[in-house]
Amino acid sequence: MKKEKLLKHLRQYNCYPTGRQKGSHAQFKNLETGAQTIIPIHNEISDILAKKICKQLGIPVVGNN
């Protein structure tokens, strides 16, 4: 899936970057629950990885809402 689609989904559920970034990865935090995860900032992100990111942040899986 495209990076922009995943980022839009994360913002929809109140998940934003914390400002910590190393290389091509950034840390995101769910501002409601405090859950955090590291996500790659590539143009394409696999659907499996997007599903894992959503689960780690405690939000519905992208495409299933």
PDB file of N, CA and C in Angstrom:
ATOM      1  N   MET A   1       0.843  -1.169   0.000  1.00  0.00           N
ATOM      2  CA  MET A   1       0.000   0.000   0.000  1.00  0.00           C
ATOM      3  C   MET A   1       0.892   1.235   0.000  1.00  0.00           C
ATOM      4  N   LYS A   2       0.347   2.306  -0.470  1.00  0.00           N
ATOM      5  CA  LYS A   2       1.083   3.563  -0.526  1.00  0.00           C
ATOM      6  C   LYS A   2       1.266   4.139   0.879  1.00  0.00           C
ATOM      7  N   LYS A   3       2.407   4.739   1.105  1.00  0.00           N
ATOM      8  CA  LYS A   3       2.731   5.341   2.396  1.00  0.00           C
ATOM      9  C   LYS A   3       1.677   6.362   2.809  1.00  0.00           C
ATOM     10  N   GLU A   4       1.216   7.167   1.881  1.00  0.00           N
ATOM     11  CA  GLU A   4       0.251   8.227   2.200  1.00  0.00           C
ATOM     12  C   GLU A   4      -1.075   7.662   2.721  1.00  0.00           C
ATOM     13  N   LYS A   5      -1.491   6.523   2.181  1.00  0.00           N
ATOM     14  CA  LYS A   5      -2.733   5.897   2.645  1.00  0.00           C
ATOM     15  C   LYS A   5      -2.595   5.467   4.104  1.00  0.00           C
ATOM     16  N   LEU A   6      -1.452   4.870   4.452  1.00  0.00           N
ATOM     17  CA  LEU A   6      -1.224   4.443   5.835  1.00  0.00           C
ATOM     18  C   LEU A   6      -1.132   5.645   6.767  1.00  0.00           C
ATOM     19  N   LEU A   7      -0.405   6.678   6.368  1.00  0.00           N
ATOM     20  CA  LEU A   7      -0.263   7.864   7.220  1.00  0.00           C
ATOM     21  C   LEU A   7      -1.602   8.555   7.452  1.00  0.00           C
ATOM     22  N   LYS A   8      -2.445   8.607   6.428  1.00  0.00           N
ATOM     23  CA  LYS A   8      -3.783   9.193   6.576  1.00  0.00           C
ATOM     24  C   LYS A   8      -4.601   8.385   7.583  1.00  0.00           C
ATOM     25  N   HIS A   9      -4.508   7.059   7.500  1.00  0.00           N
ATOM     26  CA  HIS A   9      -5.221   6.180   8.424  1.00  0.00           C
ATOM     27  C   HIS A   9      -4.720   6.399   9.863  1.00  0.00           C
ATOM     28  N   LEU A  10      -3.413   6.518  10.033  1.00  0.00           N
ATOM     29  CA  LEU A  10      -2.853   6.740  11.374  1.00  0.00           C
ATOM     30  C   LEU A  10      -3.340   8.061  11.953  1.00  0.00           C
ATOM     31  N   ARG A  11      -3.336   9.116  11.150  1.00  0.00           N
ATOM     32  CA  ARG A  11      -3.821  10.424  11.627  1.00  0.00           C
ATOM     33  C   ARG A  11      -5.294  10.370  12.003  1.00  0.00           C
ATOM     34  N   GLN A  12      -6.070   9.609  11.248  1.00  0.00           N
ATOM     35  CA  GLN A  12      -7.502   9.470  11.516  1.00  0.00           C
ATOM     36  C   GLN A  12      -7.740   8.909  12.921  1.00  0.00           C
ATOM     37  N   TYR A  13      -6.827   8.065  13.402  1.00  0.00           N
ATOM     38  CA  TYR A  13      -6.964   7.457  14.728  1.00  0.00           C
ATOM     39  C   TYR A  13      -6.021   8.080  15.752  1.00  0.00           C
ATOM     40  N   ASN A  14      -5.641   9.327  15.517  1.00  0.00           N
ATOM     41  CA  ASN A  14      -4.879  10.117  16.479  1.00  0.00           C
ATOM     42  C   ASN A  14      -3.477   9.560  16.743  1.00  0.00           C
ATOM     43  N   CYS A  15      -2.818   9.057  15.699  1.00  0.00           N
ATOM     44  CA  CYS A  15      -1.452   8.551  15.798  1.00  0.00           C
ATOM     45  C   CYS A  15      -0.540   9.481  15.004  1.00  0.00           C
ATOM     46  N   TYR A  16       0.473   9.999  15.679  1.00  0.00           N
ATOM     47  CA  TYR A  16       1.350  10.988  15.063  1.00  0.00           C
ATOM     48  C   TYR A  16       2.809  10.674  15.356  1.00  0.00           C
ATOM     49  N   PRO A  17       3.725  11.187  14.512  1.00  0.00           N
ATOM     50  CA  PRO A  17       5.152  10.975  14.770  1.00  0.00           C
ATOM     51  C   PRO A  17       5.576  11.693  16.045  1.00  0.00           C
ATOM     52  N   THR A  18       6.494  11.073  16.774  1.00  0.00           N
ATOM     53  CA  THR A  18       6.984  11.670  18.018  1.00  0.00           C
ATOM     54  C   THR A  18       8.123  12.644  17.769  1.00  0.00           C
ATOM     55  N   GLY A  19       8.636  12.650  16.557  1.00  0.00           N
ATOM     56  CA  GLY A  19       9.773  13.507  16.235  1.00  0.00           C
ATOM     57  C   GLY A  19      11.076  12.729  16.204  1.00  0.00           C
ATOM     58  N   ARG A  20      11.039  11.500  16.716  1.00  0.00           N
ATOM     59  CA  ARG A  20      12.230  10.651  16.671  1.00  0.00           C
ATOM     60  C   ARG A  20      12.270   9.927  15.335  1.00  0.00           C
ATOM     61  N   GLN A  21      13.378  10.093  14.650  1.00  0.00           N
ATOM     62  CA  GLN A  21      13.533   9.449  13.355  1.00  0.00           C
ATOM     63  C   GLN A  21      14.972   9.015  13.206  1.00  0.00           C
ATOM     64  N   LYS A  22      15.166   7.826  12.676  1.00  0.00           N
ATOM     65  CA  LYS A  22      16.518   7.333  12.433  1.00  0.00           C
ATOM     66  C   LYS A  22      16.535   6.694  11.049  1.00  0.00           C
ATOM     67  N   GLY A  23      17.280   7.275  10.173  1.00  0.00           N
ATOM     68  CA  GLY A  23      17.333   6.763   8.804  1.00  0.00           C
ATOM     69  C   GLY A  23      15.985   6.887   8.129  1.00  0.00           C
ATOM     70  N   SER A  24      15.493   5.772   7.634  1.00  0.00           N
ATOM     71  CA  SER A  24      14.210   5.789   6.929  1.00  0.00           C
ATOM     72  C   SER A  24      13.072   5.251   7.793  1.00  0.00           C
ATOM     73  N   HIS A  25      13.198   5.360   9.113  1.00  0.00           N
ATOM     74  CA  HIS A  25      12.166   4.907  10.045  1.00  0.00           C
ATOM     75  C   HIS A  25      11.811   6.030  11.010  1.00  0.00           C
ATOM     76  N   ALA A  26      10.543   6.069  11.394  1.00  0.00           N
ATOM     77  CA  ALA A  26      10.083   7.094  12.329  1.00  0.00           C
ATOM     78  C   ALA A  26       9.244   6.444  13.428  1.00  0.00           C
ATOM     79  N   GLN A  27       9.290   7.038  14.611  1.00  0.00           N
ATOM     80  CA  GLN A  27       8.503   6.546  15.729  1.00  0.00           C
ATOM     81  C   GLN A  27       7.145   7.246  15.730  1.00  0.00           C
ATOM     82  N   PHE A  28       6.075   6.467  15.839  1.00  0.00           N
ATOM     83  CA  PHE A  28       4.720   6.999  15.898  1.00  0.00           C
ATOM     84  C   PHE A  28       4.097   6.627  17.231  1.00  0.00           C
ATOM     85  N   LYS A  29       3.210   7.506  17.711  1.00  0.00           N
ATOM     86  CA  LYS A  29       2.567   7.288  18.998  1.00  0.00           C
ATOM     87  C   LYS A  29       1.066   7.526  18.871  1.00  0.00           C
ATOM     88  N   ASN A  30       0.291   6.648  19.497  1.00  0.00           N
ATOM     89  CA  ASN A  30      -1.154   6.824  19.591  1.00  0.00           C
ATOM     90  C   ASN A  30      -1.379   7.754  20.785  1.00  0.00           C
ATOM     91  N   LEU A  31      -1.854   8.954  20.532  1.00  0.00           N
ATOM     92  CA  LEU A  31      -1.986   9.954  21.588  1.00  0.00           C
ATOM     93  C   LEU A  31      -3.083   9.607  22.593  1.00  0.00           C
ATOM     94  N   GLU A  32      -4.000   8.719  22.225  1.00  0.00           N
ATOM     95  CA  GLU A  32      -5.069   8.323  23.144  1.00  0.00           C
ATOM     96  C   GLU A  32      -4.621   7.236  24.100  1.00  0.00           C
ATOM     97  N   THR A  33      -3.856   6.252  23.601  1.00  0.00           N
ATOM     98  CA  THR A  33      -3.482   5.108  24.430  1.00  0.00           C
ATOM     99  C   THR A  33      -2.025   5.137  24.882  1.00  0.00           C
ATOM    100  N   GLY A  34      -1.198   5.916  24.198  1.00  0.00           N
ATOM    101  CA  GLY A  34       0.223   5.958  24.527  1.00  0.00           C
ATOM    102  C   GLY A  34       1.036   4.877  23.838  1.00  0.00           C
ATOM    103  N   ALA A  35       0.383   3.992  23.062  1.00  0.00           N
ATOM    104  CA  ALA A  35       1.089   2.931  22.342  1.00  0.00           C
ATOM    105  C   ALA A  35       2.019   3.548  21.300  1.00  0.00           C
ATOM    106  N   GLN A  36       3.206   2.942  21.145  1.00  0.00           N
ATOM    107  CA  GLN A  36       4.194   3.452  20.198  1.00  0.00           C
ATOM    108  C   GLN A  36       4.721   2.333  19.324  1.00  0.00           C
ATOM    109  N   THR A  37       5.187   2.694  18.138  1.00  0.00           N
ATOM    110  CA  THR A  37       5.823   1.746  17.240  1.00  0.00           C
ATOM    111  C   THR A  37       6.728   2.499  16.268  1.00  0.00           C
ATOM    112  N   ILE A  38       7.609   1.763  15.654  1.00  0.00           N
ATOM    113  CA  ILE A  38       8.507   2.308  14.637  1.00  0.00           C
ATOM    114  C   ILE A  38       7.976   1.871  13.279  1.00  0.00           C
ATOM    115  N   ILE A  39       7.869   2.815  12.347  1.00  0.00           N
ATOM    116  CA  ILE A  39       7.409   2.455  11.007  1.00  0.00           C
ATOM    117  C   ILE A  39       8.403   2.946   9.964  1.00  0.00           C
ATOM    118  N   PRO A  40       8.539   2.178   8.869  1.00  0.00           N
ATOM    119  CA  PRO A  40       9.421   2.612   7.791  1.00  0.00           C
ATOM    120  C   PRO A  40       8.752   3.729   6.999  1.00  0.00           C
ATOM    121  N   ILE A  41       9.539   4.659   6.536  1.00  0.00           N
ATOM    122  CA  ILE A  41       9.018   5.748   5.708  1.00  0.00           C
ATOM    123  C   ILE A  41       9.501   5.490   4.273  1.00  0.00           C
ATOM    124  N   HIS A  42       8.903   4.470   3.673  1.00  0.00           N
ATOM    125  CA  HIS A  42       9.184   4.119   2.287  1.00  0.00           C
ATOM    126  C   HIS A  42       7.938   4.454   1.469  1.00  0.00           C
ATOM    127  N   ASN A  43       8.074   4.516   0.157  1.00  0.00           N
ATOM    128  CA  ASN A  43       6.923   4.819  -0.699  1.00  0.00           C
ATOM    129  C   ASN A  43       5.869   3.723  -0.644  1.00  0.00           C
ATOM    130  N   GLU A  44       6.298   2.485  -0.525  1.00  0.00           N
ATOM    131  CA  GLU A  44       5.384   1.333  -0.452  1.00  0.00           C
ATOM    132  C   GLU A  44       5.623   0.593   0.857  1.00  0.00           C
ATOM    133  N   ILE A  45       4.527   0.243   1.529  1.00  0.00           N
ATOM    134  CA  ILE A  45       4.593  -0.525   2.767  1.00  0.00           C
ATOM    135  C   ILE A  45       3.711  -1.744   2.560  1.00  0.00           C
ATOM    136  N   SER A  46       4.237  -2.930   2.872  1.00  0.00           N
ATOM    137  CA  SER A  46       3.464  -4.146   2.633  1.00  0.00           C
ATOM    138  C   SER A  46       2.200  -4.151   3.490  1.00  0.00           C
ATOM    139  N   ASP A  47       1.177  -4.814   2.994  1.00  0.00           N
ATOM    140  CA  ASP A  47      -0.092  -4.897   3.715  1.00  0.00           C
ATOM    141  C   ASP A  47       0.081  -5.613   5.052  1.00  0.00           C
ATOM    142  N   ILE A  48       0.932  -6.617   5.080  1.00  0.00           N
ATOM    143  CA  ILE A  48       1.181  -7.363   6.325  1.00  0.00           C
ATOM    144  C   ILE A  48       1.804  -6.445   7.364  1.00  0.00           C
ATOM    145  N   LEU A  49       2.785  -5.644   6.952  1.00  0.00           N
ATOM    146  CA  LEU A  49       3.432  -4.718   7.877  1.00  0.00           C
ATOM    147  C   LEU A  49       2.454  -3.638   8.334  1.00  0.00           C
ATOM    148  N   ALA A  50       1.617  -3.139   7.438  1.00  0.00           N
ATOM    149  CA  ALA A  50       0.628  -2.124   7.806  1.00  0.00           C
ATOM    150  C   ALA A  50      -0.336  -2.677   8.858  1.00  0.00           C
ATOM    151  N   LYS A  51      -0.726  -3.938   8.701  1.00  0.00           N
ATOM    152  CA  LYS A  51      -1.615  -4.592   9.668  1.00  0.00           C
ATOM    153  C   LYS A  51      -0.934  -4.685  11.035  1.00  0.00           C
ATOM    154  N   LYS A  52       0.344  -5.052  11.060  1.00  0.00           N
ATOM    155  CA  LYS A  52       1.085  -5.157  12.318  1.00  0.00           C
ATOM    156  C   LYS A  52       1.240  -3.792  12.986  1.00  0.00           C
ATOM    157  N   ILE A  53       1.484  -2.758  12.195  1.00  0.00           N
ATOM    158  CA  ILE A  53       1.617  -1.401  12.729  1.00  0.00           C
ATOM    159  C   ILE A  53       0.320  -0.981  13.411  1.00  0.00           C
ATOM    160  N   CYS A  54      -0.796  -1.229  12.748  1.00  0.00           N
ATOM    161  CA  CYS A  54      -2.103  -0.861  13.315  1.00  0.00           C
ATOM    162  C   CYS A  54      -2.355  -1.611  14.621  1.00  0.00           C
ATOM    163  N   LYS A  55      -2.041  -2.894  14.651  1.00  0.00           N
ATOM    164  CA  LYS A  55      -2.244  -3.678  15.870  1.00  0.00           C
ATOM    165  C   LYS A  55      -1.361  -3.163  17.003  1.00  0.00           C
ATOM    166  N   GLN A  56      -0.110  -2.820  16.696  1.00  0.00           N
ATOM    167  CA  GLN A  56       0.795  -2.307  17.727  1.00  0.00           C
ATOM    168  C   GLN A  56       0.304  -0.982  18.291  1.00  0.00           C
ATOM    169  N   LEU A  57      -0.338  -0.173  17.463  1.00  0.00           N
ATOM    170  CA  LEU A  57      -0.854   1.119  17.911  1.00  0.00           C
ATOM    171  C   LEU A  57      -2.257   1.008  18.514  1.00  0.00           C
ATOM    172  N   GLY A  58      -2.853  -0.179  18.426  1.00  0.00           N
ATOM    173  CA  GLY A  58      -4.167  -0.395  19.014  1.00  0.00           C
ATOM    174  C   GLY A  58      -5.304   0.269  18.255  1.00  0.00           C
ATOM    175  N   ILE A  59      -5.185   0.301  16.937  1.00  0.00           N
ATOM    176  CA  ILE A  59      -6.223   0.919  16.103  1.00  0.00           C
ATOM    177  C   ILE A  59      -6.740  -0.121  15.108  1.00  0.00           C
ATOM    178  N   PRO A  60      -7.904   0.122  14.492  1.00  0.00           N
ATOM    179  CA  PRO A  60      -8.404  -0.820  13.482  1.00  0.00           C
ATOM    180  C   PRO A  60      -7.422  -0.942  12.326  1.00  0.00           C
ATOM    181  N   VAL A  61      -7.405  -2.112  11.736  1.00  0.00           N
ATOM    182  CA  VAL A  61      -6.499  -2.386  10.612  1.00  0.00           C
ATOM    183  C   VAL A  61      -6.922  -1.542   9.425  1.00  0.00           C
ATOM    184  N   VAL A  62      -5.960  -0.942   8.754  1.00  0.00           N
ATOM    185  CA  VAL A  62      -6.230  -0.113   7.587  1.00  0.00           C
ATOM    186  C   VAL A  62      -6.964  -0.932   6.535  1.00  0.00           C
ATOM    187  N   GLY A  63      -8.036  -0.360   5.994  1.00  0.00           N
ATOM    188  CA  GLY A  63      -8.842  -1.043   5.003  1.00  0.00           C
ATOM    189  C   GLY A  63     -10.011  -1.813   5.596  1.00  0.00           C
ATOM    190  N   ASN A  64     -10.022  -2.005   6.909  1.00  0.00           N
ATOM    191  CA  ASN A  64     -11.101  -2.756   7.565  1.00  0.00           C
ATOM    192  C   ASN A  64     -12.041  -1.852   8.343  1.00  0.00           C
ATOM    193  N   ASN A  65     -11.998  -0.542   8.102  1.00  0.00           N
ATOM    194  CA  ASN A  65     -12.852   0.360   8.897  1.00  0.00           C
ATOM    195  C   ASN A  65     -14.057   0.793   8.130  1.00  0.00           C
TER     196      ASN A  65
END
